[in-house]
Amino acid sequence: MSELIKVGITHGDYNGVGYEVSLKALADEEITELFTPVFYGIPALVEKAAENFGLTLPRIKVVTDAGYAEDGFLNIVDLGIKDVELTPGTGTRQSGRAAVTALERAVKDIADAKIDTLVTAPISKEAVQSDSFHFTGHTEFLGERCGAKPRMILFDDSLRIALLTTHKPIGEVAGSVTKEAIIEALAEFDASLRLDFDIDCPKIAVLSLNPHCGDNGLLGTEEIREIIPAIKETGNSHMTFGPFAADGFFASGAYRKYDGALAMYHDQGLAPFKALAGDRGVNFTAGLPLVRTSPDHGTAYDIAWQGVADPTSMRQAIYAAIDLLRNRRRNLEAAANPLKA
């Protein structure tokens, strides 16, 4: 039985930077000694990308099923998509369907143990919409397919941020900031920090919703009504602190004192994270029975197929998927087989 982890990588929207960052991250002949890459895509586009970007890839094996993937090769799972109309920089219905096809195949294969972990290249949330796909992103799709409640966590070597709300219009955020939702999110974040990140007794900071933490109700009452009571109630089971005004929390470097921070909404967490993490950031979907990561950027249509896309975040996502999976396996094994007294 193979000891190498099989990492499934979906091609994302092929009119974006998915092929470029994925194949650049894999363009090392020694990469297959570390893990077995299984890339869900279109062989003709793999060939085109390698030629366009001057890449030296590991030995390629094209397969129709991930079950035939072999160690020592860059395995390409042929999605069977013909007559591709490549329009770099513009998401199309065809590129959206191709992205969904790769994602569906990979999720099924990980459920069938044909691959071990999943890394997803960026998709266009608009292009993937159809009668059969109505999700606002990978996170929501994976939650529905896995019958689980996913939690988005962005991280690099020094910062981990979980989101209370993810792809929700800003006008709906305040109504979603409830004591119950925060308590649930803190429990899930704490569990993932222990299980996936291998952190004992994690310290979690909680950000406020309103400027200046609401200024004692002058700028909003969510802190008084929902956030502070949630922090107090979780105090006996988790190490939670706050609330902290987001601007000062990041600007002062206070985030370095904590193992993670819970942001109330998407841009409150992601804007400072991306500014601080740069190209080292990784997106992780916690709360699933599988380990899934992705780069922390989008399709980058403005630079698609121009040879200038930076693969660092994709490379980090691949290595992080392997590390997270190993942590999870080790911790689950330890919990299942405790030492007898």
C-alpha atoms as a PDB file:
ATOM      1  CA  MET A   1       0.000   0.000   0.000  1.00  0.00           C
ATOM      2  CA  SER A   2       1.294   3.449  -0.926  1.00  0.00           C
ATOM      3  CA  GLU A   3       2.655   5.586   1.911  1.00  0.00           C
ATOM      4  CA  LEU A   4       2.489   8.772  -0.143  1.00  0.00           C
ATOM      5  CA  ILE A   5      -0.511  11.020   0.335  1.00  0.00           C
ATOM      6  CA  LYS A   6      -2.583  11.463  -2.810  1.00  0.00           C
ATOM      7  CA  VAL A   7      -3.411  15.139  -3.160  1.00  0.00           C
ATOM      8  CA  GLY A   8      -6.371  15.883  -5.430  1.00  0.00           C
ATOM      9  CA  ILE A   9      -6.126  19.280  -7.132  1.00  0.00           C
ATOM     10  CA  THR A  10      -9.070  20.681  -9.122  1.00  0.00           C
ATOM     11  CA  HIS A  11      -8.340  22.983 -12.053  1.00  0.00           C
ATOM     12  CA  GLY A  12     -10.820  25.700 -11.084  1.00  0.00           C
ATOM     13  CA  ASP A  13     -11.943  28.100 -13.807  1.00  0.00           C
ATOM     14  CA  TYR A  14      -9.609  27.414 -16.714  1.00  0.00           C
ATOM     15  CA  ASN A  15     -10.004  30.995 -17.963  1.00  0.00           C
ATOM     16  CA  GLY A  16      -8.373  32.162 -14.744  1.00  0.00           C
ATOM     17  CA  VAL A  17      -4.972  31.421 -13.217  1.00  0.00           C
ATOM     18  CA  GLY A  18      -5.797  27.911 -11.996  1.00  0.00           C
ATOM     19  CA  TYR A  19      -3.672  26.035 -14.509  1.00  0.00           C
ATOM     20  CA  GLU A  20      -0.769  28.418 -14.171  1.00  0.00           C
ATOM     21  CA  VAL A  21      -0.503  28.464 -10.371  1.00  0.00           C
ATOM     22  CA  SER A  22      -1.253  24.741 -10.023  1.00  0.00           C
ATOM     23  CA  LEU A  23       1.285  23.563 -12.581  1.00  0.00           C
ATOM     24  CA  LYS A  24       3.921  26.070 -11.489  1.00  0.00           C
ATOM     25  CA  ALA A  25       3.517  24.695  -7.944  1.00  0.00           C
ATOM     26  CA  LEU A  26       4.013  21.174  -9.301  1.00  0.00           C
ATOM     27  CA  ALA A  27       6.883  22.012 -11.684  1.00  0.00           C
ATOM     28  CA  ASP A  28       9.542  20.111  -9.814  1.00  0.00           C
ATOM     29  CA  GLU A  29      10.620  16.646 -10.861  1.00  0.00           C
ATOM     30  CA  GLU A  30      11.230  15.743  -7.223  1.00  0.00           C
ATOM     31  CA  ILE A  31       7.728  16.746  -6.097  1.00  0.00           C
ATOM     32  CA  THR A  32       6.426  13.209  -6.558  1.00  0.00           C
ATOM     33  CA  GLU A  33       8.832  12.016  -3.854  1.00  0.00           C
ATOM     34  CA  LEU A  34       6.868  14.083  -1.329  1.00  0.00           C
ATOM     35  CA  PHE A  35       3.298  13.268  -2.389  1.00  0.00           C
ATOM     36  CA  THR A  36       1.308  11.984  -5.332  1.00  0.00           C
ATOM     37  CA  PRO A  37      -0.424  14.812  -7.244  1.00  0.00           C
ATOM     38  CA  VAL A  38      -3.763  13.991  -8.857  1.00  0.00           C
ATOM     39  CA  PHE A  39      -4.834  16.915 -11.028  1.00  0.00           C
ATOM     40  CA  TYR A  40      -8.449  17.047 -12.216  1.00  0.00           C
ATOM     41  CA  GLY A  41      -8.384  18.853 -15.529  1.00  0.00           C
ATOM     42  CA  ILE A  42      -8.086  18.802 -19.279  1.00  0.00           C
ATOM     43  CA  PRO A  43      -4.896  17.198 -20.669  1.00  0.00           C
ATOM     44  CA  ALA A  44      -4.743  19.567 -23.655  1.00  0.00           C
ATOM     45  CA  LEU A  45      -4.728  22.576 -21.322  1.00  0.00           C
ATOM     46  CA  VAL A  46      -2.057  21.005 -19.137  1.00  0.00           C
ATOM     47  CA  GLU A  47       0.091  20.628 -22.243  1.00  0.00           C
ATOM     48  CA  LYS A  48      -0.680  24.170 -23.372  1.00  0.00           C
ATOM     49  CA  ALA A  49       0.129  25.649 -19.970  1.00  0.00           C
ATOM     50  CA  ALA A  50       3.405  23.743 -19.681  1.00  0.00           C
ATOM     51  CA  GLU A  51       4.454  24.997 -23.108  1.00  0.00           C
ATOM     52  CA  ASN A  52       3.259  28.580 -22.595  1.00  0.00           C
ATOM     53  CA  PHE A  53       4.948  28.971 -19.223  1.00  0.00           C
ATOM     54  CA  GLY A  54       8.069  26.924 -19.971  1.00  0.00           C
ATOM     55  CA  LEU A  55       7.427  24.422 -17.195  1.00  0.00           C
ATOM     56  CA  THR A  56       9.303  21.204 -16.569  1.00  0.00           C
ATOM     57  CA  LEU A  57       6.697  18.934 -15.017  1.00  0.00           C
ATOM     58  CA  PRO A  58       7.117  15.511 -13.403  1.00  0.00           C
ATOM     59  CA  ARG A  59       6.338  12.493 -15.556  1.00  0.00           C
ATOM     60  CA  ILE A  60       2.681  12.734 -16.570  1.00  0.00           C
ATOM     61  CA  LYS A  61       0.175   9.928 -16.513  1.00  0.00           C
ATOM     62  CA  VAL A  62      -3.279  10.634 -17.940  1.00  0.00           C
ATOM     63  CA  VAL A  63      -5.989   8.522 -16.305  1.00  0.00           C
ATOM     64  CA  THR A  64      -9.746   8.311 -16.651  1.00  0.00           C
ATOM     65  CA  ASP A  65     -10.215   7.482 -12.982  1.00  0.00           C
ATOM     66  CA  ALA A  66      -8.275   8.597  -9.908  1.00  0.00           C
ATOM     67  CA  GLY A  67      -8.166   4.986  -8.818  1.00  0.00           C
ATOM     68  CA  TYR A  68      -5.521   4.439 -11.503  1.00  0.00           C
ATOM     69  CA  ALA A  69      -3.243   7.208 -10.203  1.00  0.00           C
ATOM     70  CA  GLU A  70       0.300   6.067  -9.474  1.00  0.00           C
ATOM     71  CA  ASP A  71       3.059   7.291  -7.228  1.00  0.00           C
ATOM     72  CA  GLY A  72       5.948   8.863  -9.079  1.00  0.00           C
ATOM     73  CA  PHE A  73       3.738  10.637 -11.623  1.00  0.00           C
ATOM     74  CA  LEU A  74       1.806  13.840 -12.023  1.00  0.00           C
ATOM     75  CA  ASN A  75      -1.513  12.126 -12.600  1.00  0.00           C
ATOM     76  CA  ILE A  76      -4.031  13.979 -14.754  1.00  0.00           C
ATOM     77  CA  VAL A  77      -7.616  12.840 -14.322  1.00  0.00           C
ATOM     78  CA  ASP A  78      -9.087  13.514 -17.758  1.00  0.00           C
ATOM     79  CA  LEU A  79     -12.486  15.132 -17.238  1.00  0.00           C
ATOM     80  CA  GLY A  80     -13.501  14.174 -20.785  1.00  0.00           C
ATOM     81  CA  ILE A  81     -14.148  17.783 -21.792  1.00  0.00           C
ATOM     82  CA  LYS A  82     -13.544  18.317 -25.514  1.00  0.00           C
ATOM     83  CA  ASP A  83     -13.469  21.359 -27.812  1.00  0.00           C
ATOM     84  CA  VAL A  84     -12.481  23.774 -25.073  1.00  0.00           C
ATOM     85  CA  GLU A  85     -12.942  27.426 -25.936  1.00  0.00           C
ATOM     86  CA  LEU A  86     -10.233  29.191 -23.956  1.00  0.00           C
ATOM     87  CA  THR A  87     -11.028  32.855 -23.292  1.00  0.00           C
ATOM     88  CA  PRO A  88      -8.453  34.025 -20.735  1.00  0.00           C
ATOM     89  CA  GLY A  89      -9.792  36.662 -18.392  1.00  0.00           C
ATOM     90  CA  THR A  90     -13.469  35.918 -18.958  1.00  0.00           C
ATOM     91  CA  GLY A  91     -15.493  33.354 -17.055  1.00  0.00           C
ATOM     92  CA  THR A  92     -17.947  31.511 -19.284  1.00  0.00           C
ATOM     93  CA  ARG A  93     -20.732  29.015 -18.809  1.00  0.00           C
ATOM     94  CA  GLN A  94     -18.446  26.360 -20.282  1.00  0.00           C
ATOM     95  CA  SER A  95     -15.543  27.147 -17.934  1.00  0.00           C
ATOM     96  CA  GLY A  96     -17.979  27.210 -15.023  1.00  0.00           C
ATOM     97  CA  ARG A  97     -19.343  23.770 -15.909  1.00  0.00           C
ATOM     98  CA  ALA A  98     -15.796  22.437 -16.246  1.00  0.00           C
ATOM     99  CA  ALA A  99     -14.925  23.759 -12.783  1.00  0.00           C
ATOM    100  CA  VAL A 100     -17.981  22.072 -11.265  1.00  0.00           C
ATOM    101  CA  THR A 101     -17.220  18.809 -13.091  1.00  0.00           C
ATOM    102  CA  ALA A 102     -13.737  18.692 -11.552  1.00  0.00           C
ATOM    103  CA  LEU A 103     -15.073  19.512  -8.107  1.00  0.00           C
ATOM    104  CA  GLU A 104     -17.820  16.880  -8.250  1.00  0.00           C
ATOM    105  CA  ARG A 105     -15.362  14.217  -9.398  1.00  0.00           C
ATOM    106  CA  ALA A 106     -12.817  15.049  -6.715  1.00  0.00           C
ATOM    107  CA  VAL A 107     -15.354  15.077  -3.881  1.00  0.00           C
ATOM    108  CA  LYS A 108     -16.670  11.690  -4.959  1.00  0.00           C
ATOM    109  CA  ASP A 109     -13.150  10.314  -5.224  1.00  0.00           C
ATOM    110  CA  ILE A 110     -12.158  11.468  -1.761  1.00  0.00           C
ATOM    111  CA  ALA A 111     -15.308   9.841  -0.393  1.00  0.00           C
ATOM    112  CA  ASP A 112     -14.278   6.642  -2.182  1.00  0.00           C
ATOM    113  CA  ALA A 113     -10.728   6.898  -0.760  1.00  0.00           C
ATOM    114  CA  LYS A 114      -9.141   7.293  -4.211  1.00  0.00           C
ATOM    115  CA  ILE A 115      -7.471  10.502  -3.046  1.00  0.00           C
ATOM    116  CA  ASP A 116      -6.598  11.581   0.491  1.00  0.00           C
ATOM    117  CA  THR A 117      -7.027  15.333   0.538  1.00  0.00           C
ATOM    118  CA  LEU A 118      -8.325  18.123  -1.691  1.00  0.00           C
ATOM    119  CA  VAL A 119      -6.870  21.405  -2.960  1.00  0.00           C
ATOM    120  CA  THR A 120      -9.102  23.585  -5.117  1.00  0.00           C
ATOM    121  CA  ALA A 121      -7.970  26.180  -7.637  1.00  0.00           C
ATOM    122  CA  PRO A 122     -10.156  29.325  -7.772  1.00  0.00           C
ATOM    123  CA  ILE A 123     -13.569  29.325  -9.429  1.00  0.00           C
ATOM    124  CA  SER A 124     -15.803  32.137 -10.633  1.00  0.00           C
ATOM    125  CA  LYS A 125     -18.835  32.226  -8.358  1.00  0.00           C
ATOM    126  CA  GLU A 126     -20.839  33.710 -11.221  1.00  0.00           C
ATOM    127  CA  ALA A 127     -19.724  31.306 -13.949  1.00  0.00           C
ATOM    128  CA  VAL A 128     -20.522  28.164 -11.927  1.00  0.00           C
ATOM    129  CA  GLN A 129     -24.141  29.105 -11.297  1.00  0.00           C
ATOM    130  CA  SER A 130     -26.675  26.786 -12.922  1.00  0.00           C
ATOM    131  CA  ASP A 131     -29.866  24.912 -12.130  1.00  0.00           C
ATOM    132  CA  SER A 132     -27.778  22.189 -10.492  1.00  0.00           C
ATOM    133  CA  PHE A 133     -25.155  24.409  -8.843  1.00  0.00           C
ATOM    134  CA  HIS A 134     -26.427  27.334  -6.819  1.00  0.00           C
ATOM    135  CA  PHE A 135     -23.718  27.726  -4.187  1.00  0.00           C
ATOM    136  CA  THR A 136     -21.851  30.947  -3.438  1.00  0.00           C
ATOM    137  CA  GLY A 137     -18.500  29.189  -3.203  1.00  0.00           C
ATOM    138  CA  HIS A 138     -16.543  26.030  -2.501  1.00  0.00           C
ATOM    139  CA  THR A 139     -17.246  26.297   1.232  1.00  0.00           C
ATOM    140  CA  GLU A 140     -21.018  26.135   0.882  1.00  0.00           C
ATOM    141  CA  PHE A 141     -20.870  23.412  -1.772  1.00  0.00           C
ATOM    142  CA  LEU A 142     -18.635  21.185   0.328  1.00  0.00           C
ATOM    143  CA  GLY A 143     -20.806  21.683   3.381  1.00  0.00           C
ATOM    144  CA  GLU A 144     -23.894  20.540   1.501  1.00  0.00           C
ATOM    145  CA  ARG A 145     -22.187  17.594  -0.176  1.00  0.00           C
ATOM    146  CA  CYS A 146     -20.614  16.392   3.062  1.00  0.00           C
ATOM    147  CA  GLY A 147     -23.710  16.970   5.181  1.00  0.00           C
ATOM    148  CA  ALA A 148     -21.633  19.155   7.497  1.00  0.00           C
ATOM    149  CA  LYS A 149     -21.429  22.745   8.641  1.00  0.00           C
ATOM    150  CA  PRO A 150     -18.209  24.198   7.192  1.00  0.00           C
ATOM    151  CA  ARG A 151     -16.143  26.926   8.809  1.00  0.00           C
ATOM    152  CA  MET A 152     -13.799  29.071   6.728  1.00  0.00           C
ATOM    153  CA  ILE A 153     -10.346  29.557   8.244  1.00  0.00           C
ATOM    154  CA  LEU A 154      -7.612  31.644   6.623  1.00  0.00           C
ATOM    155  CA  PHE A 155      -4.100  31.085   7.894  1.00  0.00           C
ATOM    156  CA  ASP A 156      -0.381  31.451   7.422  1.00  0.00           C
ATOM    157  CA  ASP A 157       2.532  30.749   9.769  1.00  0.00           C
ATOM    158  CA  SER A 158       1.536  33.416  12.285  1.00  0.00           C
ATOM    159  CA  LEU A 159      -2.163  34.141  11.892  1.00  0.00           C
ATOM    160  CA  ARG A 160      -5.383  32.100  11.807  1.00  0.00           C
ATOM    161  CA  ILE A 161      -8.720  33.782  11.212  1.00  0.00           C
ATOM    162  CA  ALA A 162     -12.104  32.068  11.288  1.00  0.00           C
ATOM    163  CA  LEU A 163     -15.250  33.737   9.982  1.00  0.00           C
ATOM    164  CA  LEU A 164     -18.592  33.848  11.750  1.00  0.00           C
ATOM    165  CA  THR A 165     -20.328  34.681   8.452  1.00  0.00           C
ATOM    166  CA  THR A 166     -18.797  34.007   5.060  1.00  0.00           C
ATOM    167  CA  HIS A 167     -20.400  34.899   1.730  1.00  0.00           C
ATOM    168  CA  LYS A 168     -23.233  36.980   3.146  1.00  0.00           C
ATOM    169  CA  PRO A 169     -24.317  40.461   2.022  1.00  0.00           C
ATOM    170  CA  ILE A 170     -23.126  43.088   4.487  1.00  0.00           C
ATOM    171  CA  GLY A 171     -26.702  44.176   5.126  1.00  0.00           C
ATOM    172  CA  GLU A 172     -27.471  40.736   6.559  1.00  0.00           C
ATOM    173  CA  VAL A 173     -24.397  40.407   8.760  1.00  0.00           C
ATOM    174  CA  ALA A 174     -25.654  42.169  11.907  1.00  0.00           C
ATOM    175  CA  GLY A 175     -28.707  39.926  12.106  1.00  0.00           C
ATOM    176  CA  SER A 176     -26.443  36.874  11.981  1.00  0.00           C
ATOM    177  CA  VAL A 177     -24.270  37.996  14.880  1.00  0.00           C
ATOM    178  CA  THR A 178     -26.028  36.155  17.663  1.00  0.00           C
ATOM    179  CA  LYS A 179     -24.834  34.708  20.939  1.00  0.00           C
ATOM    180  CA  GLU A 180     -25.748  31.206  19.813  1.00  0.00           C
ATOM    181  CA  ALA A 181     -23.925  31.527  16.481  1.00  0.00           C
ATOM    182  CA  ILE A 182     -20.785  32.872  18.156  1.00  0.00           C
ATOM    183  CA  ILE A 183     -20.741  30.087  20.749  1.00  0.00           C
ATOM    184  CA  GLU A 184     -21.089  27.520  17.976  1.00  0.00           C
ATOM    185  CA  ALA A 185     -18.346  29.131  15.896  1.00  0.00           C
ATOM    186  CA  LEU A 186     -15.959  29.292  18.856  1.00  0.00           C
ATOM    187  CA  ALA A 187     -16.537  25.615  19.629  1.00  0.00           C
ATOM    188  CA  GLU A 188     -15.867  24.663  16.001  1.00  0.00           C
ATOM    189  CA  PHE A 189     -12.798  26.897  15.767  1.00  0.00           C
ATOM    190  CA  ASP A 190     -11.388  25.527  19.014  1.00  0.00           C
ATOM    191  CA  ALA A 191     -11.958  21.951  17.828  1.00  0.00           C
ATOM    192  CA  SER A 192     -10.203  22.585  14.505  1.00  0.00           C
ATOM    193  CA  LEU A 193      -7.245  24.327  16.145  1.00  0.00           C
ATOM    194  CA  ARG A 194      -6.775  21.235  18.302  1.00  0.00           C
ATOM    195  CA  LEU A 195      -7.514  18.567  15.694  1.00  0.00           C
ATOM    196  CA  ASP A 196      -6.156  20.059  12.476  1.00  0.00           C
ATOM    197  CA  PHE A 197      -3.527  22.545  13.676  1.00  0.00           C
ATOM    198  CA  ASP A 198      -2.348  20.431  16.626  1.00  0.00           C
ATOM    199  CA  ILE A 199      -2.608  23.264  19.163  1.00  0.00           C
ATOM    200  CA  ASP A 200      -3.288  22.387  22.809  1.00  0.00           C
ATOM    201  CA  CYS A 201      -5.528  24.813  24.710  1.00  0.00           C
ATOM    202  CA  PRO A 202      -5.793  27.382  21.892  1.00  0.00           C
ATOM    203  CA  LYS A 203      -6.318  31.028  22.796  1.00  0.00           C
ATOM    204  CA  ILE A 204      -8.975  32.647  20.602  1.00  0.00           C
ATOM    205  CA  ALA A 205      -9.578  36.373  20.207  1.00  0.00           C
ATOM    206  CA  VAL A 206     -13.064  37.556  19.241  1.00  0.00           C
ATOM    207  CA  LEU A 207     -13.454  40.681  17.132  1.00  0.00           C
ATOM    208  CA  SER A 208     -16.234  43.191  17.639  1.00  0.00           C
ATOM    209  CA  LEU A 209     -18.815  43.942  14.979  1.00  0.00           C
ATOM    210  CA  ASN A 210     -19.028  47.704  15.419  1.00  0.00           C
ATOM    211  CA  PRO A 211     -16.319  50.394  15.425  1.00  0.00           C
ATOM    212  CA  HIS A 212     -14.650  50.860  18.828  1.00  0.00           C
ATOM    213  CA  CYS A 213     -16.474  47.758  20.119  1.00  0.00           C
ATOM    214  CA  GLY A 214     -19.709  49.734  19.930  1.00  0.00           C
ATOM    215  CA  ASP A 215     -18.560  52.400  22.448  1.00  0.00           C
ATOM    216  CA  ASN A 216     -20.800  50.960  25.179  1.00  0.00           C
ATOM    217  CA  GLY A 217     -23.831  50.936  22.928  1.00  0.00           C
ATOM    218  CA  LEU A 218     -23.344  54.323  21.282  1.00  0.00           C
ATOM    219  CA  LEU A 219     -22.275  52.770  17.954  1.00  0.00           C
ATOM    220  CA  GLY A 220     -24.267  49.559  18.178  1.00  0.00           C
ATOM    221  CA  THR A 221     -25.409  47.084  20.805  1.00  0.00           C
ATOM    222  CA  GLU A 222     -24.355  43.740  19.316  1.00  0.00           C
ATOM    223  CA  GLU A 223     -21.278  43.639  21.553  1.00  0.00           C
ATOM    224  CA  ILE A 224     -23.373  44.110  24.698  1.00  0.00           C
ATOM    225  CA  ARG A 225     -26.261  41.857  23.671  1.00  0.00           C
ATOM    226  CA  GLU A 226     -24.523  39.036  21.812  1.00  0.00           C
ATOM    227  CA  ILE A 227     -20.735  39.031  21.631  1.00  0.00           C
ATOM    228  CA  ILE A 228     -19.723  39.647  25.258  1.00  0.00           C
ATOM    229  CA  PRO A 229     -22.289  37.161  26.657  1.00  0.00           C
ATOM    230  CA  ALA A 230     -21.010  34.539  24.190  1.00  0.00           C
ATOM    231  CA  ILE A 231     -17.407  35.093  25.283  1.00  0.00           C
ATOM    232  CA  LYS A 232     -18.395  34.813  28.955  1.00  0.00           C
ATOM    233  CA  GLU A 233     -20.417  31.651  28.389  1.00  0.00           C
ATOM    234  CA  THR A 234     -17.582  29.900  26.567  1.00  0.00           C
ATOM    235  CA  GLY A 235     -15.047  30.859  29.225  1.00  0.00           C
ATOM    236  CA  ASN A 236     -15.390  27.570  31.098  1.00  0.00           C
ATOM    237  CA  SER A 237     -14.771  25.391  28.048  1.00  0.00           C
ATOM    238  CA  HIS A 238     -12.533  27.503  25.769  1.00  0.00           C
ATOM    239  CA  MET A 239      -9.897  30.200  26.193  1.00  0.00           C
ATOM    240  CA  THR A 240     -11.707  33.096  24.528  1.00  0.00           C
ATOM    241  CA  PHE A 241     -10.900  36.795  24.840  1.00  0.00           C
ATOM    242  CA  GLY A 242     -12.348  40.086  23.674  1.00  0.00           C
ATOM    243  CA  PRO A 243     -14.132  41.618  21.979  1.00  0.00           C
ATOM    244  CA  PHE A 244     -11.421  43.569  20.201  1.00  0.00           C
ATOM    245  CA  ALA A 245     -11.886  46.388  17.715  1.00  0.00           C
ATOM    246  CA  ALA A 246     -10.537  44.972  14.463  1.00  0.00           C
ATOM    247  CA  ASP A 247      -8.450  47.973  13.423  1.00  0.00           C
ATOM    248  CA  GLY A 248      -6.421  48.160  16.608  1.00  0.00           C
ATOM    249  CA  PHE A 249      -6.197  44.379  16.932  1.00  0.00           C
ATOM    250  CA  PHE A 250      -4.330  44.020  13.653  1.00  0.00           C
ATOM    251  CA  ALA A 251      -2.505  47.357  13.550  1.00  0.00           C
ATOM    252  CA  SER A 252      -0.976  46.857  17.011  1.00  0.00           C
ATOM    253  CA  GLY A 253       0.143  43.305  16.324  1.00  0.00           C
ATOM    254  CA  ALA A 254      -2.092  42.004  19.122  1.00  0.00           C
ATOM    255  CA  TYR A 255      -3.074  39.082  16.897  1.00  0.00           C
ATOM    256  CA  ARG A 256       0.352  37.562  17.574  1.00  0.00           C
ATOM    257  CA  LYS A 257      -0.684  36.835  21.171  1.00  0.00           C
ATOM    258  CA  TYR A 258      -3.466  34.460  20.103  1.00  0.00           C
ATOM    259  CA  ASP A 259      -3.704  31.151  18.277  1.00  0.00           C
ATOM    260  CA  GLY A 260      -6.658  32.367  16.272  1.00  0.00           C
ATOM    261  CA  ALA A 261      -9.169  35.172  15.848  1.00  0.00           C
ATOM    262  CA  LEU A 262     -12.883  34.979  15.081  1.00  0.00           C
ATOM    263  CA  ALA A 263     -14.036  37.722  12.690  1.00  0.00           C
ATOM    264  CA  MET A 264     -17.690  38.639  12.396  1.00  0.00           C
ATOM    265  CA  TYR A 265     -17.791  38.914   8.610  1.00  0.00           C
ATOM    266  CA  HIS A 266     -15.840  38.186   5.440  1.00  0.00           C
ATOM    267  CA  ASP A 267     -13.932  41.411   4.745  1.00  0.00           C
ATOM    268  CA  GLN A 268     -13.313  42.163   8.426  1.00  0.00           C
ATOM    269  CA  GLY A 269     -11.144  39.067   8.555  1.00  0.00           C
ATOM    270  CA  LEU A 270      -9.889  38.677   5.001  1.00  0.00           C
ATOM    271  CA  ALA A 271      -8.809  42.254   4.274  1.00  0.00           C
ATOM    272  CA  PRO A 272      -6.241  42.450   7.106  1.00  0.00           C
ATOM    273  CA  PHE A 273      -5.306  38.806   6.659  1.00  0.00           C
ATOM    274  CA  LYS A 274      -4.405  39.222   3.005  1.00  0.00           C
ATOM    275  CA  ALA A 275      -2.499  42.416   3.752  1.00  0.00           C
ATOM    276  CA  LEU A 276      -0.466  40.676   6.449  1.00  0.00           C
ATOM    277  CA  ALA A 277      -0.066  37.225   4.889  1.00  0.00           C
ATOM    278  CA  GLY A 278       0.655  38.379   1.360  1.00  0.00           C
ATOM    279  CA  ASP A 279       1.218  35.430  -0.951  1.00  0.00           C
ATOM    280  CA  ARG A 280       1.630  32.952   1.922  1.00  0.00           C
ATOM    281  CA  GLY A 281      -2.053  32.734   2.833  1.00  0.00           C
ATOM    282  CA  VAL A 282      -4.128  29.553   2.680  1.00  0.00           C
ATOM    283  CA  ASN A 283      -7.882  29.028   2.845  1.00  0.00           C
ATOM    284  CA  PHE A 284      -8.968  25.969   4.859  1.00  0.00           C
ATOM    285  CA  THR A 285     -12.490  24.614   5.240  1.00  0.00           C
ATOM    286  CA  ALA A 286     -12.831  23.261   8.773  1.00  0.00           C
ATOM    287  CA  GLY A 287     -15.698  21.135  10.034  1.00  0.00           C
ATOM    288  CA  LEU A 288     -15.706  18.692   7.122  1.00  0.00           C
ATOM    289  CA  PRO A 289     -14.922  14.962   7.136  1.00  0.00           C
ATOM    290  CA  LEU A 290     -12.259  15.766   4.524  1.00  0.00           C
ATOM    291  CA  VAL A 291      -9.336  18.178   4.471  1.00  0.00           C
ATOM    292  CA  ARG A 292      -9.711  20.887   1.835  1.00  0.00           C
ATOM    293  CA  THR A 293      -7.481  23.886   1.226  1.00  0.00           C
ATOM    294  CA  SER A 294      -7.131  26.470  -1.516  1.00  0.00           C
ATOM    295  CA  PRO A 295      -5.008  29.524  -2.288  1.00  0.00           C
ATOM    296  CA  ASP A 296      -6.366  32.668  -0.675  1.00  0.00           C
ATOM    297  CA  HIS A 297      -6.870  34.477  -3.998  1.00  0.00           C
ATOM    298  CA  GLY A 298      -9.460  34.320  -6.744  1.00  0.00           C
ATOM    299  CA  THR A 299      -9.395  33.617 -10.472  1.00  0.00           C
ATOM    300  CA  ALA A 300      -7.263  36.744 -11.146  1.00  0.00           C
ATOM    301  CA  TYR A 301      -8.799  37.177 -14.588  1.00  0.00           C
ATOM    302  CA  ASP A 302      -6.774  40.340 -15.148  1.00  0.00           C
ATOM    303  CA  ILE A 303      -3.530  38.339 -15.387  1.00  0.00           C
ATOM    304  CA  ALA A 304      -4.861  34.966 -16.589  1.00  0.00           C
ATOM    305  CA  TRP A 305      -2.585  33.015 -18.966  1.00  0.00           C
ATOM    306  CA  GLN A 306       0.002  35.806 -19.028  1.00  0.00           C
ATOM    307  CA  GLY A 307       2.739  33.894 -17.216  1.00  0.00           C
ATOM    308  CA  VAL A 308       2.933  36.320 -14.297  1.00  0.00           C
ATOM    309  CA  ALA A 309       0.727  34.593 -11.694  1.00  0.00           C
ATOM    310  CA  ASP A 310       2.512  33.796  -8.423  1.00  0.00           C
ATOM    311  CA  PRO A 311       2.102  30.126  -7.380  1.00  0.00           C
ATOM    312  CA  THR A 312       3.199  30.655  -3.773  1.00  0.00           C
ATOM    313  CA  SER A 313      -0.285  30.546  -2.242  1.00  0.00           C
ATOM    314  CA  MET A 314      -1.173  27.421  -4.245  1.00  0.00           C
ATOM    315  CA  ARG A 315       2.074  25.763  -3.208  1.00  0.00           C
ATOM    316  CA  GLN A 316       1.365  26.662   0.410  1.00  0.00           C
ATOM    317  CA  ALA A 317      -2.159  25.275   0.070  1.00  0.00           C
ATOM    318  CA  ILE A 318      -0.831  21.942  -1.201  1.00  0.00           C
ATOM    319  CA  TYR A 319       1.708  21.552   1.588  1.00  0.00           C
ATOM    320  CA  ALA A 320      -0.826  22.745   4.165  1.00  0.00           C
ATOM    321  CA  ALA A 321      -3.335  20.118   3.017  1.00  0.00           C
ATOM    322  CA  ILE A 322      -0.729  17.432   3.663  1.00  0.00           C
ATOM    323  CA  ASP A 323       0.216  18.834   7.095  1.00  0.00           C
ATOM    324  CA  LEU A 324      -3.400  19.284   8.181  1.00  0.00           C
ATOM    325  CA  LEU A 325      -4.287  15.768   7.087  1.00  0.00           C
ATOM    326  CA  ARG A 326      -1.351  14.302   9.008  1.00  0.00           C
ATOM    327  CA  ASN A 327      -2.284  16.297  12.124  1.00  0.00           C
ATOM    328  CA  ARG A 328      -5.898  15.167  11.891  1.00  0.00           C
ATOM    329  CA  ARG A 329      -5.013  11.517  11.360  1.00  0.00           C
ATOM    330  CA  ARG A 330      -2.571  11.540  14.260  1.00  0.00           C
ATOM    331  CA  ASN A 331      -4.986  13.229  16.652  1.00  0.00           C
ATOM    332  CA  LEU A 332      -7.915  11.043  15.673  1.00  0.00           C
ATOM    333  CA  GLU A 333      -5.783   7.952  16.162  1.00  0.00           C
ATOM    334  CA  ALA A 334      -4.632   9.178  19.563  1.00  0.00           C
ATOM    335  CA  ALA A 335      -8.227   9.882  20.608  1.00  0.00           C
ATOM    336  CA  ALA A 336      -9.428   6.496  19.384  1.00  0.00           C
ATOM    337  CA  ASN A 337      -6.671   4.584  21.173  1.00  0.00           C
ATOM    338  CA  PRO A 338      -6.006   6.331  24.500  1.00  0.00           C
ATOM    339  CA  LEU A 339      -3.321   4.886  26.691  1.00  0.00           C
ATOM    340  CA  LYS A 340      -4.787   2.589  29.316  1.00  0.00           C
ATOM    341  CA  ALA A 341      -4.235   3.546  32.920  1.00  0.00           C
END
